[in-house]
């Protein structure tokens, strides 16, 4: 009597389960093309600064919302517009570090070197000019990213 190993069966099926000869592929590296959402809107740096000052910060709250929302829709990651706005209203300094971090993640996810990290938020601590430097660096990096995506479409 020769014993043959039984074929594995799936419960409820009379036939043995088919053995898969498919090769399991490793996950794709971050530099591979990924499906991404819509590209965000480039905004003039001076426009953001002037409107934020003229509206006494109200436009800047709107800017936080739109920027975080565009990044989330494009990458599928991040805190999104509503949470970004709530953080800006409740304790804004968190956004000084989160936004540059998310921008850096967008660049790295695209296989490019990140122009900024969360540490970019430290610029805002410079007296008098910190907010301007931070806004210029942040909006500038966003404009370059959105511009590169619009050009490659």
N, C-alpha and C. Protein backbone atom coordinates (compact mmCIF):
# COMPACT_ATOMS: atom_id res chain seq x y z
N UNK A 1 0.83 -1.16 0.00
CA UNK A 1 0.00 0.00 0.00
C UNK A 1 0.88 1.24 0.00
N UNK A 2 0.70 2.00 -1.00
CA UNK A 2 1.45 3.25 -1.03
C UNK A 2 0.53 4.38 -0.60
N UNK A 3 1.10 5.18 0.27
CA UNK A 3 0.30 6.30 0.74
C UNK A 3 0.62 7.52 -0.10
N UNK A 4 -0.41 8.17 -0.58
CA UNK A 4 -0.21 9.41 -1.31
C UNK A 4 -0.79 10.54 -0.47
N UNK A 5 -0.08 11.63 -0.45
CA UNK A 5 -0.59 12.74 0.35
C UNK A 5 -1.89 13.26 -0.24
N UNK A 6 -2.80 13.59 0.63
CA UNK A 6 -4.08 14.11 0.17
C UNK A 6 -3.91 15.54 -0.31
N UNK A 7 -4.65 15.86 -1.35
CA UNK A 7 -4.66 17.23 -1.86
C UNK A 7 -5.48 18.08 -0.90
N UNK A 8 -5.02 19.28 -0.63
CA UNK A 8 -5.82 20.15 0.23
C UNK A 8 -7.13 20.51 -0.46
N UNK A 9 -8.15 20.57 0.30
CA UNK A 9 -9.44 20.92 -0.27
C UNK A 9 -10.00 22.15 0.42
N UNK A 10 -10.80 22.84 -0.33
CA UNK A 10 -11.49 23.99 0.23
C UNK A 10 -12.82 23.50 0.76
N UNK A 11 -13.17 23.88 1.98
CA UNK A 11 -14.44 23.41 2.53
C UNK A 11 -15.60 23.76 1.61
N UNK A 12 -16.46 22.81 1.40
CA UNK A 12 -17.63 23.03 0.58
C UNK A 12 -17.42 22.69 -0.88
N UNK A 13 -16.20 22.37 -1.29
CA UNK A 13 -15.92 21.99 -2.67
C UNK A 13 -15.49 20.54 -2.71
N UNK A 14 -15.93 19.86 -3.72
CA UNK A 14 -15.59 18.47 -3.85
C UNK A 14 -14.21 18.29 -4.46
N UNK A 15 -13.74 19.26 -5.22
CA UNK A 15 -12.44 19.15 -5.88
C UNK A 15 -11.35 19.73 -4.99
N UNK A 16 -10.13 19.21 -5.14
CA UNK A 16 -9.01 19.77 -4.38
C UNK A 16 -8.75 21.23 -4.80
N UNK A 17 -8.25 21.98 -3.89
CA UNK A 17 -7.92 23.38 -4.19
C UNK A 17 -6.74 23.42 -5.16
N UNK A 18 -6.81 24.29 -6.13
CA UNK A 18 -5.76 24.40 -7.12
C UNK A 18 -4.52 25.03 -6.50
N UNK A 19 -3.38 24.43 -6.83
CA UNK A 19 -2.13 24.98 -6.35
C UNK A 19 -1.72 26.12 -7.28
N UNK A 20 -1.36 27.23 -6.71
CA UNK A 20 -0.98 28.38 -7.51
C UNK A 20 0.51 28.33 -7.81
N UNK A 21 0.85 28.40 -9.09
CA UNK A 21 2.24 28.43 -9.51
C UNK A 21 2.70 29.86 -9.73
N UNK A 22 1.85 30.83 -9.37
CA UNK A 22 2.20 32.24 -9.59
C UNK A 22 3.35 32.66 -8.69
N UNK A 23 4.21 33.46 -9.26
CA UNK A 23 5.35 33.97 -8.51
C UNK A 23 4.88 35.22 -7.76
N UNK A 24 5.19 35.28 -6.49
CA UNK A 24 4.81 36.43 -5.70
C UNK A 24 5.80 37.55 -5.97
N UNK A 25 5.29 38.70 -6.41
CA UNK A 25 6.14 39.85 -6.72
C UNK A 25 6.39 40.66 -5.45
N UNK A 26 7.62 41.14 -5.29
CA UNK A 26 7.89 42.01 -4.13
C UNK A 26 7.15 43.33 -4.30
N UNK A 27 6.92 44.05 -3.21
CA UNK A 27 6.23 45.33 -3.34
C UNK A 27 7.03 46.30 -4.20
N UNK A 28 6.32 47.18 -4.87
CA UNK A 28 6.97 48.15 -5.75
C UNK A 28 7.71 49.19 -4.92
N UNK A 29 8.87 49.60 -5.39
CA UNK A 29 9.60 50.64 -4.66
C UNK A 29 8.86 51.97 -4.77
N UNK A 30 9.21 52.90 -3.89
CA UNK A 30 8.54 54.20 -3.85
C UNK A 30 8.75 55.00 -5.13
N UNK A 31 9.79 54.67 -5.89
CA UNK A 31 10.07 55.45 -7.10
C UNK A 31 9.25 54.99 -8.29
N UNK A 32 8.49 53.91 -8.17
CA UNK A 32 7.71 53.46 -9.30
C UNK A 32 6.49 54.36 -9.48
N UNK A 33 5.96 54.34 -10.69
CA UNK A 33 4.79 55.17 -10.97
C UNK A 33 3.60 54.67 -10.15
N UNK A 34 2.95 55.59 -9.50
CA UNK A 34 1.79 55.25 -8.70
C UNK A 34 0.61 56.07 -9.19
N UNK A 35 -0.56 55.55 -8.95
CA UNK A 35 -1.75 56.30 -9.29
C UNK A 35 -1.87 57.43 -8.27
N UNK A 36 -1.97 58.63 -8.76
CA UNK A 36 -2.08 59.78 -7.88
C UNK A 36 -3.32 60.57 -8.23
N UNK A 37 -3.81 61.30 -7.25
CA UNK A 37 -5.00 62.10 -7.43
C UNK A 37 -4.70 63.39 -8.18
N UNK A 38 -5.68 64.29 -8.17
CA UNK A 38 -5.52 65.54 -8.91
C UNK A 38 -4.37 66.40 -8.37
N UNK A 39 -3.80 67.15 -9.27
CA UNK A 39 -2.69 68.04 -8.93
C UNK A 39 -3.26 69.29 -8.26
N UNK A 40 -2.57 69.76 -7.24
CA UNK A 40 -2.99 70.96 -6.53
C UNK A 40 -2.73 72.23 -7.33
N UNK A 41 -3.19 73.33 -6.79
CA UNK A 41 -3.09 74.61 -7.47
C UNK A 41 -1.86 75.39 -6.99
N UNK A 42 -0.96 75.75 -7.90
CA UNK A 42 0.14 76.62 -7.50
C UNK A 42 -0.41 78.00 -7.12
N UNK A 43 0.12 78.58 -6.08
CA UNK A 43 -0.32 79.90 -5.62
C UNK A 43 0.89 80.83 -5.56
N UNK A 44 0.66 82.06 -5.89
CA UNK A 44 1.72 83.05 -5.82
C UNK A 44 2.14 83.26 -4.37
N UNK A 45 3.44 83.22 -4.12
CA UNK A 45 3.94 83.38 -2.76
C UNK A 45 3.57 84.75 -2.20
N UNK A 46 3.77 85.77 -3.00
CA UNK A 46 3.42 87.12 -2.55
C UNK A 46 1.92 87.24 -2.31
N UNK A 47 1.13 86.60 -3.15
CA UNK A 47 -0.32 86.59 -2.99
C UNK A 47 -0.72 86.01 -1.63
N UNK A 48 -0.13 84.88 -1.29
CA UNK A 48 -0.43 84.22 0.00
C UNK A 48 -0.04 85.13 1.16
N UNK A 49 1.13 85.74 1.08
CA UNK A 49 1.61 86.59 2.17
C UNK A 49 0.74 87.84 2.32
N UNK A 50 0.50 88.54 1.22
CA UNK A 50 -0.26 89.79 1.29
C UNK A 50 -1.70 89.53 1.73
N UNK A 51 -2.35 88.54 1.14
CA UNK A 51 -3.75 88.27 1.51
C UNK A 51 -3.85 87.81 2.97
N UNK A 52 -2.86 87.06 3.44
CA UNK A 52 -2.87 86.63 4.84
C UNK A 52 -2.76 87.83 5.78
N UNK A 53 -1.95 88.80 5.40
CA UNK A 53 -1.78 90.00 6.24
C UNK A 53 -3.03 90.88 6.17
N UNK A 54 -3.52 91.14 4.95
CA UNK A 54 -4.67 92.03 4.76
C UNK A 54 -5.92 91.48 5.46
N UNK A 55 -6.11 90.18 5.44
CA UNK A 55 -7.30 89.58 6.07
C UNK A 55 -7.06 89.22 7.52
N UNK A 56 -5.93 89.67 8.07
CA UNK A 56 -5.57 89.40 9.47
C UNK A 56 -5.55 87.89 9.79
N UNK A 57 -5.06 87.11 8.85
CA UNK A 57 -4.86 85.68 9.07
C UNK A 57 -5.99 84.79 8.61
N UNK A 58 -7.12 85.37 8.21
CA UNK A 58 -8.25 84.53 7.79
C UNK A 58 -7.91 83.78 6.50
N UNK A 59 -7.27 84.47 5.54
CA UNK A 59 -6.86 83.77 4.32
C UNK A 59 -5.87 82.66 4.64
N UNK A 60 -5.01 82.88 5.61
CA UNK A 60 -4.01 81.86 5.95
C UNK A 60 -4.70 80.59 6.47
N UNK A 61 -5.78 80.74 7.20
CA UNK A 61 -6.55 79.57 7.64
C UNK A 61 -7.12 78.83 6.44
N UNK A 62 -7.69 79.60 5.49
CA UNK A 62 -8.20 78.99 4.26
C UNK A 62 -7.06 78.31 3.52
N UNK A 63 -5.89 78.93 3.45
CA UNK A 63 -4.73 78.36 2.77
C UNK A 63 -4.32 77.04 3.39
N UNK A 64 -4.31 76.99 4.74
CA UNK A 64 -4.02 75.72 5.42
C UNK A 64 -5.00 74.64 4.96
N UNK A 65 -6.28 74.96 4.99
CA UNK A 65 -7.30 73.99 4.61
C UNK A 65 -7.06 73.49 3.18
N UNK A 66 -6.95 74.43 2.22
CA UNK A 66 -6.80 74.05 0.82
C UNK A 66 -5.51 73.26 0.57
N UNK A 67 -4.43 73.69 1.16
CA UNK A 67 -3.15 73.04 0.92
C UNK A 67 -3.15 71.62 1.47
N UNK A 68 -3.58 71.45 2.71
CA UNK A 68 -3.64 70.10 3.28
C UNK A 68 -4.61 69.21 2.50
N UNK A 69 -5.73 69.77 2.06
CA UNK A 69 -6.72 69.00 1.31
C UNK A 69 -6.15 68.57 -0.05
N UNK A 70 -5.47 69.48 -0.75
CA UNK A 70 -4.88 69.14 -2.05
C UNK A 70 -3.82 68.06 -1.91
N UNK A 71 -3.00 68.15 -0.87
CA UNK A 71 -1.96 67.13 -0.67
C UNK A 71 -2.59 65.77 -0.38
N UNK A 72 -3.63 65.75 0.43
CA UNK A 72 -4.29 64.48 0.78
C UNK A 72 -4.96 63.87 -0.46
N UNK A 73 -5.63 64.69 -1.25
CA UNK A 73 -6.28 64.17 -2.46
C UNK A 73 -5.27 63.66 -3.48
N UNK A 74 -4.12 64.31 -3.53
CA UNK A 74 -3.10 63.91 -4.50
C UNK A 74 -2.41 62.61 -4.09
N UNK A 75 -2.02 62.50 -2.84
CA UNK A 75 -1.24 61.34 -2.41
C UNK A 75 -2.05 60.26 -1.70
N UNK A 76 -3.20 60.63 -1.15
CA UNK A 76 -3.97 59.68 -0.36
C UNK A 76 -3.46 59.59 1.08
N UNK A 77 -2.43 60.36 1.40
CA UNK A 77 -1.85 60.37 2.75
C UNK A 77 -1.92 61.78 3.32
N UNK A 78 -1.77 61.86 4.62
CA UNK A 78 -1.71 63.17 5.25
C UNK A 78 -2.94 63.43 6.11
N UNK A 79 -2.96 64.62 6.71
CA UNK A 79 -4.02 64.91 7.66
C UNK A 79 -5.27 65.48 7.00
N UNK A 80 -5.18 66.00 5.81
CA UNK A 80 -6.35 66.52 5.12
C UNK A 80 -6.72 67.92 5.56
N UNK A 81 -7.67 68.51 4.84
CA UNK A 81 -8.05 69.89 5.05
C UNK A 81 -8.73 70.20 6.36
N UNK A 82 -9.71 69.40 6.74
CA UNK A 82 -10.47 69.68 7.96
C UNK A 82 -9.57 69.59 9.19
N UNK A 83 -8.80 68.52 9.29
CA UNK A 83 -7.92 68.37 10.45
C UNK A 83 -6.83 69.45 10.45
N UNK A 84 -6.29 69.77 9.28
CA UNK A 84 -5.29 70.83 9.18
C UNK A 84 -5.85 72.17 9.64
N UNK A 85 -7.09 72.46 9.27
CA UNK A 85 -7.74 73.70 9.70
C UNK A 85 -8.00 73.70 11.20
N UNK A 86 -8.47 72.59 11.73
CA UNK A 86 -8.72 72.50 13.17
C UNK A 86 -7.43 72.70 13.97
N UNK A 87 -6.36 72.09 13.50
CA UNK A 87 -5.07 72.27 14.18
C UNK A 87 -4.65 73.73 14.11
N UNK A 88 -4.86 74.38 12.95
CA UNK A 88 -4.48 75.79 12.79
C UNK A 88 -5.27 76.67 13.76
N UNK A 89 -6.51 76.33 14.00
CA UNK A 89 -7.35 77.13 14.90
C UNK A 89 -7.01 76.86 16.36
N UNK A 90 -6.80 75.59 16.70
CA UNK A 90 -6.58 75.21 18.10
C UNK A 90 -5.14 75.45 18.55
N UNK A 91 -4.18 74.94 17.79
CA UNK A 91 -2.76 75.09 18.17
C UNK A 91 -1.92 75.09 16.90
N UNK A 92 -1.86 76.24 16.26
CA UNK A 92 -1.22 76.41 14.96
C UNK A 92 0.23 75.94 14.86
N UNK A 93 1.06 76.07 15.89
CA UNK A 93 2.47 75.65 15.73
C UNK A 93 2.65 74.22 15.27
N UNK A 94 1.69 73.36 15.49
CA UNK A 94 1.80 71.98 14.99
C UNK A 94 1.92 71.98 13.47
N UNK A 95 1.13 72.81 12.81
CA UNK A 95 1.14 72.86 11.35
C UNK A 95 2.46 73.37 10.79
N UNK A 96 3.21 74.15 11.56
CA UNK A 96 4.50 74.65 11.09
C UNK A 96 5.45 73.50 10.79
N UNK A 97 5.25 72.37 11.46
CA UNK A 97 6.11 71.21 11.29
C UNK A 97 5.45 70.12 10.42
N UNK A 98 4.13 69.98 10.54
CA UNK A 98 3.42 68.93 9.79
C UNK A 98 3.40 69.23 8.30
N UNK A 99 3.11 70.47 7.92
CA UNK A 99 3.00 70.79 6.50
C UNK A 99 4.32 70.55 5.75
N UNK A 100 5.46 71.07 6.22
CA UNK A 100 6.70 70.77 5.50
C UNK A 100 7.02 69.27 5.46
N UNK A 101 6.65 68.57 6.52
CA UNK A 101 6.87 67.12 6.54
C UNK A 101 6.05 66.43 5.45
N UNK A 102 4.79 66.83 5.29
CA UNK A 102 3.96 66.23 4.25
C UNK A 102 4.46 66.60 2.85
N UNK A 103 4.94 67.82 2.69
CA UNK A 103 5.49 68.22 1.39
C UNK A 103 6.72 67.38 1.06
N UNK A 104 7.60 67.20 2.05
CA UNK A 104 8.77 66.34 1.86
C UNK A 104 8.38 64.91 1.51
N UNK A 105 7.33 64.41 2.14
CA UNK A 105 6.84 63.05 1.84
C UNK A 105 6.31 62.95 0.42
N UNK A 106 5.68 64.00 -0.07
CA UNK A 106 5.19 63.99 -1.46
C UNK A 106 6.37 63.86 -2.42
N UNK A 107 7.41 64.63 -2.17
CA UNK A 107 8.59 64.55 -3.03
C UNK A 107 9.22 63.16 -2.97
N UNK A 108 9.42 62.63 -1.75
CA UNK A 108 10.04 61.31 -1.61
C UNK A 108 9.17 60.22 -2.24
N UNK A 109 7.85 60.33 -2.10
CA UNK A 109 6.95 59.36 -2.72
C UNK A 109 7.02 59.40 -4.23
N UNK A 110 7.48 60.51 -4.76
CA UNK A 110 7.63 60.67 -6.20
C UNK A 110 9.04 60.29 -6.65
N UNK A 111 9.86 59.82 -5.69
CA UNK A 111 11.22 59.39 -6.03
C UNK A 111 12.20 60.53 -6.18
N UNK A 112 11.88 61.68 -5.62
CA UNK A 112 12.75 62.85 -5.71
C UNK A 112 13.25 63.22 -4.32
N UNK A 113 14.38 63.91 -4.25
CA UNK A 113 14.86 64.35 -2.93
C UNK A 113 13.92 65.40 -2.35
N UNK A 114 13.66 65.28 -1.07
CA UNK A 114 12.75 66.20 -0.39
C UNK A 114 13.43 67.54 -0.13
N UNK A 115 12.79 68.64 -0.53
CA UNK A 115 13.39 69.95 -0.29
C UNK A 115 13.20 70.43 1.15
N UNK A 116 12.39 69.71 1.91
CA UNK A 116 12.13 70.10 3.29
C UNK A 116 11.67 68.91 4.11
N UNK A 117 11.80 69.07 5.42
CA UNK A 117 11.31 68.07 6.37
C UNK A 117 10.52 68.81 7.43
N UNK A 118 10.09 68.10 8.43
CA UNK A 118 9.39 68.74 9.53
C UNK A 118 10.23 69.79 10.23
N UNK A 119 11.54 69.63 10.16
CA UNK A 119 12.44 70.60 10.81
C UNK A 119 12.37 71.98 10.17
N UNK A 120 11.82 72.07 8.98
CA UNK A 120 11.66 73.36 8.32
C UNK A 120 10.80 74.29 9.17
N UNK A 121 9.96 73.73 10.01
CA UNK A 121 9.11 74.53 10.89
C UNK A 121 9.90 75.42 11.83
N UNK A 122 11.14 75.09 12.07
CA UNK A 122 11.96 75.92 12.97
C UNK A 122 12.22 77.31 12.40
N UNK A 123 12.11 77.48 11.09
CA UNK A 123 12.31 78.81 10.49
C UNK A 123 11.36 79.83 11.09
N UNK A 124 10.17 79.39 11.42
CA UNK A 124 9.15 80.32 11.89
C UNK A 124 9.51 80.94 13.24
N UNK A 125 10.47 80.35 13.92
CA UNK A 125 10.88 80.87 15.23
C UNK A 125 11.80 82.09 15.13
N UNK A 126 12.27 82.42 13.93
CA UNK A 126 13.08 83.63 13.75
C UNK A 126 12.21 84.86 14.03
N UNK A 127 12.68 85.77 14.85
CA UNK A 127 11.89 86.97 15.14
C UNK A 127 11.63 87.80 13.87
N UNK A 128 10.44 88.29 13.74
CA UNK A 128 9.97 89.17 12.67
C UNK A 128 9.91 88.55 11.28
N UNK A 129 10.92 87.85 10.85
CA UNK A 129 10.95 87.34 9.48
C UNK A 129 10.64 85.85 9.36
N UNK A 130 10.55 85.15 10.47
CA UNK A 130 10.38 83.70 10.45
C UNK A 130 9.16 83.24 9.68
N UNK A 131 8.03 83.88 9.92
CA UNK A 131 6.80 83.48 9.23
C UNK A 131 6.93 83.68 7.73
N UNK A 132 7.58 84.78 7.32
CA UNK A 132 7.77 85.05 5.91
C UNK A 132 8.67 84.00 5.26
N UNK A 133 9.78 83.69 5.93
CA UNK A 133 10.71 82.67 5.40
C UNK A 133 10.00 81.33 5.28
N UNK A 134 9.27 80.95 6.33
CA UNK A 134 8.56 79.66 6.32
C UNK A 134 7.54 79.62 5.19
N UNK A 135 6.77 80.68 5.03
CA UNK A 135 5.74 80.71 3.98
C UNK A 135 6.38 80.66 2.60
N UNK A 136 7.46 81.39 2.40
CA UNK A 136 8.15 81.39 1.10
C UNK A 136 8.68 79.99 0.79
N UNK A 137 9.33 79.36 1.74
CA UNK A 137 9.89 78.02 1.53
C UNK A 137 8.78 77.00 1.28
N UNK A 138 7.72 77.06 2.07
CA UNK A 138 6.64 76.08 1.97
C UNK A 138 5.87 76.23 0.67
N UNK A 139 5.40 77.44 0.37
CA UNK A 139 4.63 77.63 -0.86
C UNK A 139 5.51 77.44 -2.09
N UNK A 140 6.77 77.84 -1.99
CA UNK A 140 7.69 77.63 -3.11
C UNK A 140 7.87 76.15 -3.44
N UNK A 141 8.05 75.32 -2.41
CA UNK A 141 8.20 73.87 -2.63
C UNK A 141 6.92 73.28 -3.21
N UNK A 142 5.78 73.74 -2.72
CA UNK A 142 4.50 73.26 -3.27
C UNK A 142 4.37 73.66 -4.73
N UNK A 143 4.68 74.91 -5.05
CA UNK A 143 4.57 75.38 -6.44
C UNK A 143 5.47 74.57 -7.37
N UNK A 144 6.69 74.29 -6.92
CA UNK A 144 7.60 73.48 -7.76
C UNK A 144 7.05 72.07 -7.96
N UNK A 145 6.50 71.49 -6.90
CA UNK A 145 5.95 70.13 -7.02
C UNK A 145 4.74 70.11 -7.95
N UNK A 146 3.78 71.01 -7.71
CA UNK A 146 2.59 71.03 -8.56
C UNK A 146 2.97 71.36 -10.00
N UNK A 147 3.92 72.27 -10.20
CA UNK A 147 4.36 72.61 -11.55
C UNK A 147 4.98 71.43 -12.28
N UNK A 148 5.77 70.63 -11.56
CA UNK A 148 6.39 69.46 -12.19
C UNK A 148 5.33 68.42 -12.56
N UNK A 149 4.30 68.30 -11.76
CA UNK A 149 3.23 67.34 -12.06
C UNK A 149 2.39 67.81 -13.22
N UNK A 150 2.11 69.10 -13.30
CA UNK A 150 1.32 69.65 -14.41
C UNK A 150 2.10 69.51 -15.74
N UNK A 151 3.42 69.70 -15.66
CA UNK A 151 4.25 69.60 -16.87
C UNK A 151 4.35 68.16 -17.36
N UNK A 152 4.34 67.20 -16.44
CA UNK A 152 4.49 65.80 -16.85
C UNK A 152 3.17 65.17 -17.28
N UNK A 153 2.07 65.88 -17.10
CA UNK A 153 0.76 65.33 -17.48
C UNK A 153 0.49 65.46 -18.95
